[in-house]
Amino acid sequence: MKIDRYSTCCYLKKDENYLLLYRNKKKNDYNKGKWIGVGGGLENNETPDECAIREVKEETGLDVHSLKCAGEVDFIYDGHYEKMYIYEITDYNGDLIDCNEGELRYIPIKDIFNYPMWEGDKVFLPLLINHEPYFRVRLIYENDILIKSEKY
């Protein structure tokens, strides 16, 4: 299956919290009502690292000083195939802006799974939180329901 889209998803860590985005501002938002990391699609000739830095700046106003990709998640849904690069970012500074996609908030990592999120996020987030070696996860959805997940 051919990859339709490449994207990034970034979890900015501060103390024992992750900065998450509650998607509640855009009309017809696929992620509406969910708490997710910040990020988005790679632009032409852009590396995943460049995309992560750009998306963090655009959505949060924060400047990333260094980063390392923690893993990859392959999403297969409704006939589409998306590869998402996952980052935990600890080296950043600046002041949060008002994001036009939703509400930004630092959430205690110990409470993160109490917030509405995609079921697949509950598969890869423990790998990120526990600093597993570079991980690869495949998530298969049908009608927004996770039907299969596997680490490979």
N, C-alpha and C. Protein backbone atom coordinates (compact mmCIF):
# COMPACT_ATOMS: atom_id res chain seq x y z
N MET A 1 0.85 -1.18 0.00
CA MET A 1 0.00 0.00 0.00
C MET A 1 0.89 1.24 0.00
N LYS A 2 0.59 2.18 -0.86
CA LYS A 2 1.36 3.41 -1.02
C LYS A 2 1.01 4.41 0.09
N ILE A 3 2.03 5.06 0.64
CA ILE A 3 1.81 6.07 1.68
C ILE A 3 1.23 7.32 1.03
N ASP A 4 0.06 7.76 1.55
CA ASP A 4 -0.63 8.94 1.03
C ASP A 4 -0.12 10.24 1.65
N ARG A 5 0.31 10.16 2.91
CA ARG A 5 0.63 11.37 3.65
C ARG A 5 1.70 11.06 4.68
N TYR A 6 2.63 11.99 4.84
CA TYR A 6 3.64 11.92 5.90
C TYR A 6 3.37 13.08 6.84
N SER A 7 3.46 12.82 8.14
CA SER A 7 3.17 13.86 9.11
C SER A 7 4.02 13.69 10.37
N THR A 8 3.91 14.66 11.25
CA THR A 8 4.60 14.62 12.53
C THR A 8 3.60 14.84 13.65
N CYS A 9 3.92 14.31 14.83
CA CYS A 9 3.13 14.54 16.03
C CYS A 9 4.13 14.73 17.18
N CYS A 10 4.04 15.87 17.84
CA CYS A 10 5.04 16.26 18.83
C CYS A 10 4.41 16.42 20.21
N TYR A 11 5.10 15.85 21.18
CA TYR A 11 4.71 15.96 22.58
C TYR A 11 5.79 16.75 23.30
N LEU A 12 5.49 17.99 23.63
CA LEU A 12 6.45 18.86 24.30
C LEU A 12 6.36 18.62 25.80
N LYS A 13 7.48 18.21 26.38
CA LYS A 13 7.51 17.83 27.78
C LYS A 13 8.03 18.98 28.63
N LYS A 14 7.32 19.25 29.72
CA LYS A 14 7.72 20.26 30.70
C LYS A 14 7.45 19.65 32.07
N ASP A 15 8.52 19.46 32.84
CA ASP A 15 8.43 18.74 34.12
C ASP A 15 7.81 17.37 33.82
N GLU A 16 6.72 17.02 34.45
CA GLU A 16 6.07 15.72 34.20
C GLU A 16 4.74 15.92 33.46
N ASN A 17 4.74 16.85 32.50
CA ASN A 17 3.55 17.18 31.73
C ASN A 17 3.88 17.16 30.24
N TYR A 18 2.86 16.87 29.43
CA TYR A 18 2.95 17.02 27.98
C TYR A 18 2.02 18.14 27.56
N LEU A 19 2.48 18.94 26.61
CA LEU A 19 1.63 19.94 26.00
C LEU A 19 0.75 19.23 24.97
N LEU A 20 -0.56 19.31 25.17
CA LEU A 20 -1.51 18.70 24.23
C LEU A 20 -2.42 19.75 23.64
N LEU A 21 -3.00 19.43 22.52
CA LEU A 21 -3.92 20.31 21.81
C LEU A 21 -5.30 19.67 21.79
N TYR A 22 -6.27 20.37 22.39
CA TYR A 22 -7.66 19.90 22.36
C TYR A 22 -8.30 20.50 21.12
N ARG A 23 -8.62 19.65 20.17
CA ARG A 23 -9.13 20.12 18.88
C ARG A 23 -10.60 20.49 18.99
N ASN A 24 -10.86 21.79 19.09
CA ASN A 24 -12.23 22.25 19.30
C ASN A 24 -12.58 23.54 18.55
N LYS A 25 -11.73 23.96 17.60
CA LYS A 25 -11.99 25.25 16.95
C LYS A 25 -12.31 25.18 15.46
N LYS A 26 -11.84 24.15 14.77
CA LYS A 26 -12.02 24.09 13.32
C LYS A 26 -13.30 23.33 12.97
N LYS A 27 -13.98 23.78 11.93
CA LYS A 27 -15.13 23.05 11.42
C LYS A 27 -14.64 21.83 10.66
N ASN A 28 -15.43 20.78 10.66
CA ASN A 28 -15.11 19.54 9.94
C ASN A 28 -13.71 19.02 10.27
N ASP A 29 -13.38 19.03 11.55
CA ASP A 29 -12.07 18.59 12.01
C ASP A 29 -12.12 17.10 12.33
N TYR A 30 -11.30 16.33 11.65
CA TYR A 30 -11.23 14.87 11.85
C TYR A 30 -10.88 14.55 13.31
N ASN A 31 -10.12 15.42 13.95
CA ASN A 31 -9.68 15.21 15.34
C ASN A 31 -10.55 15.92 16.37
N LYS A 32 -11.69 16.46 15.95
CA LYS A 32 -12.53 17.25 16.85
C LYS A 32 -12.89 16.47 18.13
N GLY A 33 -12.73 17.16 19.26
CA GLY A 33 -13.07 16.57 20.54
C GLY A 33 -12.00 15.67 21.12
N LYS A 34 -10.82 15.62 20.48
CA LYS A 34 -9.73 14.77 20.94
C LYS A 34 -8.55 15.62 21.40
N TRP A 35 -7.80 15.11 22.37
CA TRP A 35 -6.53 15.69 22.81
C TRP A 35 -5.43 14.97 22.05
N ILE A 36 -4.59 15.74 21.35
CA ILE A 36 -3.53 15.17 20.53
C ILE A 36 -2.25 15.98 20.71
N GLY A 37 -1.14 15.43 20.22
CA GLY A 37 0.09 16.21 20.16
C GLY A 37 -0.02 17.23 19.04
N VAL A 38 0.88 18.20 19.03
CA VAL A 38 0.88 19.19 17.96
C VAL A 38 1.67 18.65 16.78
N GLY A 39 1.34 19.10 15.60
CA GLY A 39 2.05 18.65 14.41
C GLY A 39 1.19 18.80 13.18
N GLY A 40 1.64 18.15 12.11
CA GLY A 40 0.90 18.24 10.85
C GLY A 40 1.70 17.63 9.71
N GLY A 41 1.23 17.86 8.51
CA GLY A 41 1.80 17.24 7.33
C GLY A 41 3.10 17.86 6.86
N LEU A 42 3.96 17.00 6.33
CA LEU A 42 5.21 17.48 5.74
C LEU A 42 4.90 18.23 4.45
N GLU A 43 5.62 19.33 4.25
CA GLU A 43 5.51 20.09 3.01
C GLU A 43 6.54 19.56 2.02
N ASN A 44 6.46 19.99 0.77
CA ASN A 44 7.39 19.53 -0.27
C ASN A 44 8.84 19.74 0.17
N ASN A 45 9.66 18.71 -0.03
CA ASN A 45 11.09 18.76 0.27
C ASN A 45 11.41 19.07 1.72
N GLU A 46 10.50 18.78 2.63
CA GLU A 46 10.71 19.03 4.05
C GLU A 46 10.99 17.70 4.76
N THR A 47 11.97 17.69 5.64
CA THR A 47 12.25 16.49 6.43
C THR A 47 11.27 16.43 7.60
N PRO A 48 11.12 15.25 8.21
CA PRO A 48 10.27 15.18 9.40
C PRO A 48 10.73 16.12 10.51
N ASP A 49 12.04 16.23 10.74
CA ASP A 49 12.53 17.15 11.78
C ASP A 49 12.16 18.60 11.45
N GLU A 50 12.33 19.00 10.21
CA GLU A 50 11.97 20.37 9.80
C GLU A 50 10.48 20.61 9.99
N CYS A 51 9.67 19.62 9.64
CA CYS A 51 8.22 19.73 9.80
C CYS A 51 7.86 19.87 11.28
N ALA A 52 8.46 19.06 12.12
CA ALA A 52 8.16 19.12 13.55
C ALA A 52 8.47 20.51 14.11
N ILE A 53 9.62 21.05 13.77
CA ILE A 53 10.02 22.37 14.26
C ILE A 53 9.05 23.44 13.75
N ARG A 54 8.70 23.38 12.47
CA ARG A 54 7.78 24.36 11.87
C ARG A 54 6.39 24.27 12.50
N GLU A 55 5.87 23.06 12.62
CA GLU A 55 4.52 22.88 13.16
C GLU A 55 4.44 23.32 14.63
N VAL A 56 5.46 23.01 15.42
CA VAL A 56 5.46 23.45 16.81
C VAL A 56 5.41 24.98 16.86
N LYS A 57 6.20 25.64 16.04
CA LYS A 57 6.21 27.12 16.02
C LYS A 57 4.85 27.66 15.58
N GLU A 58 4.28 27.10 14.50
CA GLU A 58 3.00 27.59 13.99
C GLU A 58 1.86 27.39 14.98
N GLU A 59 1.82 26.23 15.64
CA GLU A 59 0.67 25.91 16.49
C GLU A 59 0.81 26.38 17.93
N THR A 60 2.06 26.55 18.39
CA THR A 60 2.26 26.90 19.80
C THR A 60 2.98 28.22 20.02
N GLY A 61 3.74 28.68 19.03
CA GLY A 61 4.58 29.86 19.19
C GLY A 61 5.92 29.55 19.83
N LEU A 62 6.17 28.29 20.18
CA LEU A 62 7.39 27.90 20.86
C LEU A 62 8.50 27.58 19.87
N ASP A 63 9.74 27.87 20.28
CA ASP A 63 10.92 27.60 19.46
C ASP A 63 11.60 26.33 19.95
N VAL A 64 11.76 25.38 19.04
CA VAL A 64 12.43 24.11 19.35
C VAL A 64 13.92 24.29 19.09
N HIS A 65 14.75 23.87 20.05
CA HIS A 65 16.20 24.00 19.91
C HIS A 65 16.87 22.69 19.52
N SER A 66 16.31 21.57 19.94
CA SER A 66 16.82 20.28 19.50
C SER A 66 15.71 19.25 19.65
N LEU A 67 15.80 18.20 18.85
CA LEU A 67 14.77 17.17 18.90
C LEU A 67 15.32 15.89 18.34
N LYS A 68 14.65 14.80 18.67
CA LYS A 68 15.01 13.48 18.17
C LYS A 68 13.71 12.71 17.98
N CYS A 69 13.57 12.11 16.82
CA CYS A 69 12.38 11.32 16.54
C CYS A 69 12.40 10.06 17.40
N ALA A 70 11.27 9.77 18.07
CA ALA A 70 11.17 8.64 18.98
C ALA A 70 10.64 7.38 18.28
N GLY A 71 9.87 7.57 17.19
CA GLY A 71 9.31 6.41 16.52
C GLY A 71 8.42 6.80 15.36
N GLU A 72 7.80 5.79 14.76
CA GLU A 72 6.91 5.97 13.61
C GLU A 72 5.61 5.23 13.87
N VAL A 73 4.53 5.84 13.43
CA VAL A 73 3.22 5.20 13.51
C VAL A 73 2.62 5.19 12.11
N ASP A 74 2.24 4.00 11.65
CA ASP A 74 1.56 3.87 10.37
C ASP A 74 0.07 3.78 10.65
N PHE A 75 -0.68 4.75 10.12
CA PHE A 75 -2.14 4.75 10.24
C PHE A 75 -2.73 4.26 8.93
N ILE A 76 -3.57 3.26 9.01
CA ILE A 76 -4.30 2.80 7.84
C ILE A 76 -5.78 2.98 8.16
N TYR A 77 -6.45 3.81 7.37
CA TYR A 77 -7.85 4.14 7.65
C TYR A 77 -8.57 4.53 6.37
N ASP A 78 -9.76 4.02 6.21
CA ASP A 78 -10.63 4.39 5.09
C ASP A 78 -9.89 4.39 3.75
N GLY A 79 -9.05 3.41 3.51
CA GLY A 79 -8.34 3.32 2.24
C GLY A 79 -7.13 4.23 2.14
N HIS A 80 -6.74 4.89 3.24
CA HIS A 80 -5.59 5.80 3.25
C HIS A 80 -4.49 5.20 4.11
N TYR A 81 -3.26 5.64 3.82
CA TYR A 81 -2.10 5.18 4.56
C TYR A 81 -1.27 6.41 4.90
N GLU A 82 -1.13 6.68 6.19
CA GLU A 82 -0.36 7.83 6.66
C GLU A 82 0.77 7.36 7.56
N LYS A 83 1.97 7.87 7.32
CA LYS A 83 3.11 7.61 8.20
C LYS A 83 3.34 8.86 9.04
N MET A 84 3.30 8.68 10.37
CA MET A 84 3.46 9.79 11.30
C MET A 84 4.73 9.56 12.12
N TYR A 85 5.58 10.58 12.19
CA TYR A 85 6.79 10.55 12.99
C TYR A 85 6.49 11.17 14.35
N ILE A 86 6.83 10.45 15.43
CA ILE A 86 6.49 10.86 16.78
C ILE A 86 7.71 11.44 17.48
N TYR A 87 7.53 12.58 18.14
CA TYR A 87 8.61 13.27 18.84
C TYR A 87 8.22 13.56 20.28
N GLU A 88 9.19 13.42 21.19
CA GLU A 88 9.10 14.01 22.51
C GLU A 88 10.15 15.11 22.52
N ILE A 89 9.71 16.34 22.79
CA ILE A 89 10.62 17.47 22.71
C ILE A 89 10.75 18.09 24.10
N THR A 90 12.00 18.23 24.55
CA THR A 90 12.26 18.81 25.87
C THR A 90 13.06 20.10 25.80
N ASP A 91 13.67 20.37 24.66
CA ASP A 91 14.54 21.53 24.50
C ASP A 91 13.84 22.60 23.65
N TYR A 92 13.11 23.48 24.34
CA TYR A 92 12.35 24.52 23.65
C TYR A 92 12.12 25.68 24.63
N ASN A 93 11.72 26.82 24.07
CA ASN A 93 11.35 27.95 24.92
C ASN A 93 10.41 28.88 24.16
N GLY A 94 9.95 29.90 24.86
CA GLY A 94 9.04 30.87 24.28
C GLY A 94 7.74 30.93 25.04
N ASP A 95 6.82 31.71 24.51
CA ASP A 95 5.50 31.89 25.12
C ASP A 95 4.44 31.28 24.23
N LEU A 96 3.51 30.54 24.86
CA LEU A 96 2.41 29.93 24.10
C LEU A 96 1.54 31.00 23.45
N ILE A 97 1.11 30.71 22.24
CA ILE A 97 0.16 31.58 21.54
C ILE A 97 -1.22 30.93 21.60
N ASP A 98 -2.21 31.67 21.15
CA ASP A 98 -3.57 31.14 21.02
C ASP A 98 -3.62 30.39 19.69
N CYS A 99 -3.78 29.08 19.76
CA CYS A 99 -3.79 28.24 18.56
C CYS A 99 -5.15 28.29 17.88
N ASN A 100 -5.15 28.44 16.55
CA ASN A 100 -6.42 28.52 15.82
C ASN A 100 -7.07 27.15 15.62
N GLU A 101 -6.42 26.07 16.07
CA GLU A 101 -6.98 24.73 15.91
C GLU A 101 -7.62 24.20 17.18
N GLY A 102 -7.29 24.83 18.31
CA GLY A 102 -7.85 24.35 19.57
C GLY A 102 -7.13 24.92 20.77
N GLU A 103 -7.42 24.35 21.91
CA GLU A 103 -6.88 24.79 23.20
C GLU A 103 -5.60 24.02 23.52
N LEU A 104 -4.54 24.75 23.84
CA LEU A 104 -3.27 24.15 24.26
C LEU A 104 -3.25 24.09 25.78
N ARG A 105 -2.80 22.93 26.31
CA ARG A 105 -2.72 22.82 27.76
C ARG A 105 -1.68 21.77 28.14
N TYR A 106 -0.93 22.07 29.20
CA TYR A 106 -0.02 21.08 29.75
C TYR A 106 -0.83 20.13 30.62
N ILE A 107 -0.74 18.84 30.30
CA ILE A 107 -1.49 17.79 30.99
C ILE A 107 -0.49 16.90 31.73
N PRO A 108 -0.74 16.62 33.02
CA PRO A 108 0.15 15.69 33.72
C PRO A 108 0.20 14.34 32.99
N ILE A 109 1.40 13.85 32.75
CA ILE A 109 1.56 12.60 32.02
C ILE A 109 0.81 11.47 32.73
N LYS A 110 0.80 11.47 34.05
CA LYS A 110 0.12 10.40 34.80
C LYS A 110 -1.39 10.42 34.56
N ASP A 111 -1.95 11.54 34.11
CA ASP A 111 -3.40 11.67 33.88
C ASP A 111 -3.78 11.65 32.41
N ILE A 112 -2.80 11.54 31.53
CA ILE A 112 -3.03 11.77 30.10
C ILE A 112 -4.11 10.86 29.50
N PHE A 113 -4.20 9.62 30.01
CA PHE A 113 -5.16 8.69 29.42
C PHE A 113 -6.58 8.90 29.92
N ASN A 114 -6.78 9.86 30.81
CA ASN A 114 -8.12 10.22 31.27
C ASN A 114 -8.80 11.21 30.33
N TYR A 115 -8.07 11.70 29.34
CA TYR A 115 -8.59 12.69 28.40
C TYR A 115 -9.02 12.00 27.11
N PRO A 116 -10.05 12.51 26.43
CA PRO A 116 -10.48 11.89 25.17
C PRO A 116 -9.38 11.94 24.13
N MET A 117 -9.03 10.78 23.59
CA MET A 117 -8.01 10.68 22.55
C MET A 117 -8.32 9.48 21.67
N TRP A 118 -7.62 9.39 20.56
CA TRP A 118 -7.75 8.25 19.68
C TRP A 118 -7.27 7.00 20.41
N GLU A 119 -7.93 5.88 20.20
CA GLU A 119 -7.54 4.62 20.83
C GLU A 119 -6.11 4.24 20.44
N GLY A 120 -5.72 4.53 19.21
CA GLY A 120 -4.38 4.22 18.76
C GLY A 120 -3.30 4.99 19.51
N ASP A 121 -3.63 6.21 19.97
CA ASP A 121 -2.67 6.98 20.75
C ASP A 121 -2.32 6.25 22.05
N LYS A 122 -3.29 5.49 22.57
CA LYS A 122 -3.06 4.73 23.80
C LYS A 122 -2.13 3.54 23.56
N VAL A 123 -1.87 3.23 22.29
CA VAL A 123 -0.95 2.15 21.94
C VAL A 123 0.49 2.69 21.90
N PHE A 124 0.70 3.84 21.25
CA PHE A 124 2.08 4.32 21.10
C PHE A 124 2.54 5.26 22.21
N LEU A 125 1.62 5.95 22.89
CA LEU A 125 2.05 6.87 23.94
C LEU A 125 2.81 6.19 25.08
N PRO A 126 2.40 4.99 25.54
CA PRO A 126 3.22 4.34 26.58
C PRO A 126 4.66 4.08 26.13
N LEU A 127 4.86 3.80 24.84
CA LEU A 127 6.21 3.58 24.31
C LEU A 127 7.02 4.87 24.40
N LEU A 128 6.37 6.00 24.08
CA LEU A 128 7.03 7.30 24.17
C LEU A 128 7.32 7.66 25.62
N ILE A 129 6.31 7.53 26.46
CA ILE A 129 6.44 7.90 27.88
C ILE A 129 7.54 7.09 28.56
N ASN A 130 7.64 5.81 28.23
CA ASN A 130 8.63 4.92 28.85
C ASN A 130 9.98 4.92 28.13
N HIS A 131 10.12 5.81 27.15
CA HIS A 131 11.37 5.97 26.40
C HIS A 131 11.88 4.65 25.82
N GLU A 132 10.93 3.91 25.21
CA GLU A 132 11.31 2.69 24.51
C GLU A 132 12.27 3.06 23.38
N PRO A 133 13.14 2.12 22.98
CA PRO A 133 13.98 2.40 21.81
C PRO A 133 13.08 2.71 20.60
N TYR A 134 13.67 3.29 19.58
CA TYR A 134 12.90 3.70 18.39
C TYR A 134 11.83 2.66 18.07
N PHE A 135 10.59 3.09 18.07
CA PHE A 135 9.48 2.15 17.89
C PHE A 135 8.78 2.36 16.56
N ARG A 136 8.15 1.29 16.10
CA ARG A 136 7.30 1.32 14.91
C ARG A 136 6.00 0.62 15.26
N VAL A 137 4.91 1.32 15.02
CA VAL A 137 3.58 0.81 15.35
C VAL A 137 2.68 0.95 14.13
N ARG A 138 1.85 -0.05 13.89
CA ARG A 138 0.85 0.01 12.82
C ARG A 138 -0.52 -0.01 13.46
N LEU A 139 -1.36 0.96 13.08
CA LEU A 139 -2.72 1.08 13.59
C LEU A 139 -3.68 1.01 12.41
N ILE A 140 -4.66 0.13 12.51
CA ILE A 140 -5.65 0.00 11.44
C ILE A 140 -7.01 0.36 12.01
N TYR A 141 -7.63 1.35 11.38
CA TYR A 141 -8.95 1.84 11.78
C TYR A 141 -9.98 1.53 10.70
N GLU A 142 -11.20 1.27 11.14
CA GLU A 142 -12.36 1.23 10.25
C GLU A 142 -13.45 2.06 10.90
N ASN A 143 -13.96 3.05 10.16
CA ASN A 143 -15.01 3.94 10.68
C ASN A 143 -14.64 4.50 12.04
N ASP A 144 -13.41 5.02 12.15
CA ASP A 144 -12.89 5.65 13.37
C ASP A 144 -12.74 4.70 14.55
N ILE A 145 -12.83 3.41 14.32
CA ILE A 145 -12.66 2.41 15.39
C ILE A 145 -11.36 1.65 15.13
N LEU A 146 -10.52 1.57 16.15
CA LEU A 146 -9.27 0.83 16.04
C LEU A 146 -9.59 -0.66 16.01
N ILE A 147 -9.24 -1.31 14.89
CA ILE A 147 -9.53 -2.75 14.79
C ILE A 147 -8.28 -3.61 14.93
N LYS A 148 -7.10 -2.99 14.75
CA LYS A 148 -5.87 -3.77 14.90
C LYS A 148 -4.72 -2.84 15.21
N SER A 149 -3.84 -3.29 16.11
CA SER A 149 -2.61 -2.54 16.38
C SER A 149 -1.48 -3.55 16.55
N GLU A 150 -0.32 -3.18 16.08
CA GLU A 150 0.83 -4.06 16.24
C GLU A 150 2.11 -3.24 16.25
N LYS A 151 3.04 -3.70 17.06
CA LYS A 151 4.38 -3.13 17.09
C LYS A 151 5.20 -4.01 16.17
N TYR A 152 5.98 -3.40 15.30
CA TYR A 152 6.79 -4.21 14.37
C TYR A 152 8.20 -3.68 14.25
